Amino acid sequence: MSIIFEPFPKLGRLSRTIVITEKIDGTNAQIIIGEDGSIGAGSRTRLITPKDDNFGFAAWVQDHRDDLMALGPGRHFGEWWGSGIKRKYGLTEKRFSLFNVGRWHPDNPPPACCHVVPVLGRYTFDSGYIERVMVDLKATGSIAAPGFMSPEGIVVFHTANGALFKKTFEGDEAGKGREPIAA
């Protein structure tokens, strides 16, 4: 038997900046742009094509190829949402909203065919801020689709360790998996 050392990971500080964005209820999607100028699409779990699509996202990527090349090489994750997808948000069209709010903002807008998930606040971590943002979002409705009064929830990005956490209005207590046992 050989023993392999594995270092304990460095711990991030809890009291650091968090960025809270609206969680949009659609389907996770990604645009993949190669260094060679190739472009592709993916869902959360697989590559997709216009012939084996996910709510028409791969076809949309192909149709908007020229504009999307401005995203640059790499993987660009976001939510494909709107007409015909989950909550629909009262929209007659589908939209792609990028997740990377640190890169895409009013001073550096994404391509015109893309949106960015709405930032609801930036704070030093405090669960009170998270609860207040949830209360405000429930009262005012979706920021991504103004007038839609049944938003899904929020995503909290913790900058110290790059972790994402979601909090939803429905089913948040149950989650999709078992909670880990505390040590």
Protein backbone atom coordinates (compact mmCIF):
# COMPACT_ATOMS: atom_id res chain seq x y z
CA MET A 1 0.00 0.00 0.00
CA SER A 2 1.36 3.40 -0.90
CA ILE A 3 0.42 6.51 0.99
CA ILE A 4 -0.29 9.68 -0.94
CA PHE A 5 -0.31 13.01 0.85
CA GLU A 6 -3.23 15.30 0.14
CA PRO A 7 -3.11 18.81 1.60
CA PHE A 8 -6.12 20.27 3.38
CA PRO A 9 -7.60 23.03 1.21
CA LYS A 10 -7.18 26.64 2.26
CA LEU A 11 -10.39 28.01 3.81
CA GLY A 12 -11.99 31.19 2.51
CA ARG A 13 -13.14 33.88 4.96
CA LEU A 14 -16.91 33.97 5.40
CA SER A 15 -17.08 37.74 6.00
CA ARG A 16 -16.14 38.69 2.45
CA THR A 17 -18.03 40.11 -0.51
CA ILE A 18 -21.05 38.28 -1.85
CA VAL A 19 -22.85 39.15 -5.07
CA ILE A 20 -26.56 38.33 -5.14
CA THR A 21 -28.22 37.84 -8.53
CA GLU A 22 -31.73 36.82 -9.56
CA LYS A 23 -32.07 33.07 -10.16
CA ILE A 24 -33.92 32.68 -13.44
CA ASP A 25 -36.01 29.55 -13.96
CA GLY A 26 -35.02 28.29 -17.38
CA THR A 27 -32.42 25.78 -18.49
CA ASN A 28 -28.68 26.05 -17.91
CA ALA A 29 -26.77 26.64 -21.14
CA GLN A 30 -23.29 27.36 -22.37
CA ILE A 31 -21.68 28.79 -25.45
CA ILE A 32 -18.29 27.31 -26.28
CA ILE A 33 -15.93 29.31 -28.47
CA GLY A 34 -12.67 27.73 -29.60
CA GLU A 35 -9.37 29.52 -30.19
CA ASP A 36 -9.81 28.51 -33.85
CA GLY A 37 -13.12 30.39 -34.18
CA SER A 38 -15.32 27.32 -33.80
CA ILE A 39 -18.55 27.71 -31.83
CA GLY A 40 -20.76 25.20 -30.08
CA ALA A 41 -23.50 24.93 -27.49
CA GLY A 42 -24.14 22.87 -24.40
CA SER A 43 -26.72 22.27 -21.74
CA ARG A 44 -25.72 21.73 -18.10
CA THR A 45 -24.84 18.09 -18.80
CA ARG A 46 -24.06 17.63 -22.51
CA LEU A 47 -23.11 19.11 -25.86
CA ILE A 48 -26.14 19.97 -27.99
CA THR A 49 -26.67 20.61 -31.69
CA PRO A 50 -29.56 22.01 -33.71
CA LYS A 51 -30.53 18.37 -34.47
CA ASP A 52 -30.26 17.30 -30.80
CA ASP A 53 -31.22 20.56 -29.12
CA ASN A 54 -32.38 21.82 -25.73
CA PHE A 55 -35.34 24.21 -26.16
CA GLY A 56 -33.78 25.57 -29.37
CA PHE A 57 -30.60 26.90 -27.75
CA ALA A 58 -28.09 25.29 -30.15
CA ALA A 59 -30.05 26.61 -33.13
CA TRP A 60 -30.09 30.09 -31.54
CA VAL A 61 -26.30 29.92 -31.05
CA GLN A 62 -25.81 29.04 -34.72
CA ASP A 63 -28.21 31.83 -35.81
CA HIS A 64 -26.31 34.40 -33.70
CA ARG A 65 -22.81 33.08 -34.33
CA ASP A 66 -21.34 36.34 -35.67
CA ASP A 67 -22.54 38.40 -32.68
CA LEU A 68 -21.60 35.71 -30.13
CA MET A 69 -17.98 35.58 -31.32
CA ALA A 70 -17.53 38.88 -29.41
CA LEU A 71 -17.73 36.82 -26.20
CA GLY A 72 -14.22 35.57 -26.99
CA PRO A 73 -12.69 32.11 -26.65
CA GLY A 74 -13.85 30.01 -23.72
CA ARG A 75 -17.03 28.76 -22.08
CA HIS A 76 -19.77 31.25 -21.44
CA PHE A 77 -22.40 29.97 -19.02
CA GLY A 78 -25.88 31.36 -18.63
CA GLU A 79 -29.62 30.67 -18.48
CA TRP A 80 -31.78 30.03 -21.57
CA TRP A 81 -35.25 31.12 -20.54
CA GLY A 82 -38.56 32.64 -21.56
CA SER A 83 -41.31 31.50 -23.90
CA GLY A 84 -41.92 27.75 -23.65
CA ILE A 85 -39.33 27.14 -20.89
CA LYS A 86 -40.43 26.47 -17.28
CA ARG A 87 -41.94 29.69 -15.76
CA LYS A 88 -41.97 31.43 -19.19
CA TYR A 89 -41.95 34.83 -17.42
CA GLY A 90 -44.78 36.09 -19.62
CA LEU A 91 -42.38 36.44 -22.55
CA THR A 92 -43.09 35.73 -26.20
CA GLU A 93 -39.40 35.12 -26.93
CA LYS A 94 -36.51 33.17 -25.41
CA ARG A 95 -33.51 34.94 -23.90
CA PHE A 96 -29.95 33.99 -22.97
CA SER A 97 -28.67 35.64 -19.79
CA LEU A 98 -24.97 35.32 -18.99
CA PHE A 99 -23.97 34.48 -15.40
CA ASN A 100 -20.60 36.29 -15.25
CA VAL A 101 -21.73 39.62 -13.79
CA GLY A 102 -18.11 40.48 -12.98
CA ARG A 103 -17.28 40.61 -16.68
CA TRP A 104 -20.53 41.82 -18.26
CA HIS A 105 -21.91 45.11 -16.93
CA PRO A 106 -22.96 48.53 -18.31
CA ASP A 107 -19.32 49.57 -18.87
CA ASN A 108 -18.61 46.29 -20.71
CA PRO A 109 -21.89 45.10 -22.24
CA PRO A 110 -22.30 41.64 -23.75
CA PRO A 111 -23.29 41.14 -27.40
CA ALA A 112 -26.70 42.68 -28.16
CA CYS A 113 -28.33 39.23 -28.46
CA CYS A 114 -27.40 38.39 -24.84
CA HIS A 115 -28.61 39.58 -21.47
CA VAL A 116 -26.90 39.33 -18.07
CA VAL A 117 -28.58 38.00 -14.92
CA PRO A 118 -29.68 40.98 -12.79
CA VAL A 119 -27.47 41.90 -9.82
CA LEU A 120 -29.66 42.44 -6.75
CA GLY A 121 -26.83 43.57 -4.48
CA ARG A 122 -23.20 43.35 -3.39
CA TYR A 123 -22.58 43.03 0.33
CA THR A 124 -20.15 41.76 2.90
CA PHE A 125 -21.55 38.34 3.81
CA ASP A 126 -24.47 38.59 6.22
CA SER A 127 -27.44 36.23 6.12
CA GLY A 128 -29.65 39.23 6.95
CA TYR A 129 -28.86 40.79 3.56
CA ILE A 130 -29.78 37.54 1.84
CA GLU A 131 -33.15 37.42 3.61
CA ARG A 132 -33.87 41.11 2.85
CA VAL A 133 -33.08 40.62 -0.84
CA MET A 134 -35.46 37.62 -0.91
CA VAL A 135 -38.24 39.67 0.73
CA ASP A 136 -37.72 42.55 -1.73
CA LEU A 137 -37.66 40.24 -4.76
CA LYS A 138 -40.86 38.52 -3.66
CA ALA A 139 -42.56 41.92 -3.19
CA THR A 140 -41.37 43.55 -6.42
CA GLY A 141 -41.25 40.51 -8.72
CA SER A 142 -38.64 39.58 -11.29
CA ILE A 143 -36.03 42.15 -12.26
CA ALA A 144 -35.12 40.11 -15.36
CA ALA A 145 -38.73 40.20 -16.58
CA PRO A 146 -40.42 43.23 -14.94
CA GLY A 147 -44.05 42.62 -14.08
CA PHE A 148 -43.58 38.87 -13.61
CA MET A 149 -44.55 38.37 -9.96
CA SER A 150 -43.37 34.78 -9.41
CA PRO A 151 -39.54 34.89 -9.48
CA GLU A 152 -37.68 31.67 -8.66
CA GLY A 153 -35.17 33.02 -6.13
CA ILE A 154 -31.56 34.17 -5.94
CA VAL A 155 -28.00 33.00 -6.49
CA VAL A 156 -25.32 34.07 -4.03
CA PHE A 157 -21.72 34.18 -5.30
CA HIS A 158 -19.15 34.19 -2.50
CA THR A 159 -16.02 35.90 -3.81
CA ALA A 160 -13.58 34.47 -1.24
CA ASN A 161 -13.86 30.92 -2.57
CA GLY A 162 -15.76 31.35 -5.84
CA ALA A 163 -18.70 29.28 -4.60
CA LEU A 164 -22.28 29.68 -5.81
CA PHE A 165 -25.32 29.04 -3.63
CA LYS A 166 -28.99 29.21 -4.59
CA LYS A 167 -32.00 30.08 -2.47
CA THR A 168 -35.46 29.56 -3.94
CA PHE A 169 -38.94 30.54 -2.85
CA GLU A 170 -40.36 27.06 -3.45
CA GLY A 171 -38.80 23.83 -2.19
CA ASP A 172 -35.66 25.42 -0.78
CA GLU A 173 -35.86 23.44 2.46
CA ALA A 174 -36.01 20.06 0.69
CA GLY A 175 -33.39 20.56 -2.00
CA LYS A 176 -32.68 17.93 -4.63
CA GLY A 177 -30.29 15.77 -2.63
CA ARG A 178 -29.48 14.75 0.88
CA GLU A 179 -27.81 17.27 3.15
CA PRO A 180 -24.30 16.30 4.26
CA ILE A 181 -23.93 15.23 7.87
CA ALA A 182 -22.16 17.88 9.93
CA ALA A 183 -18.80 16.86 11.36
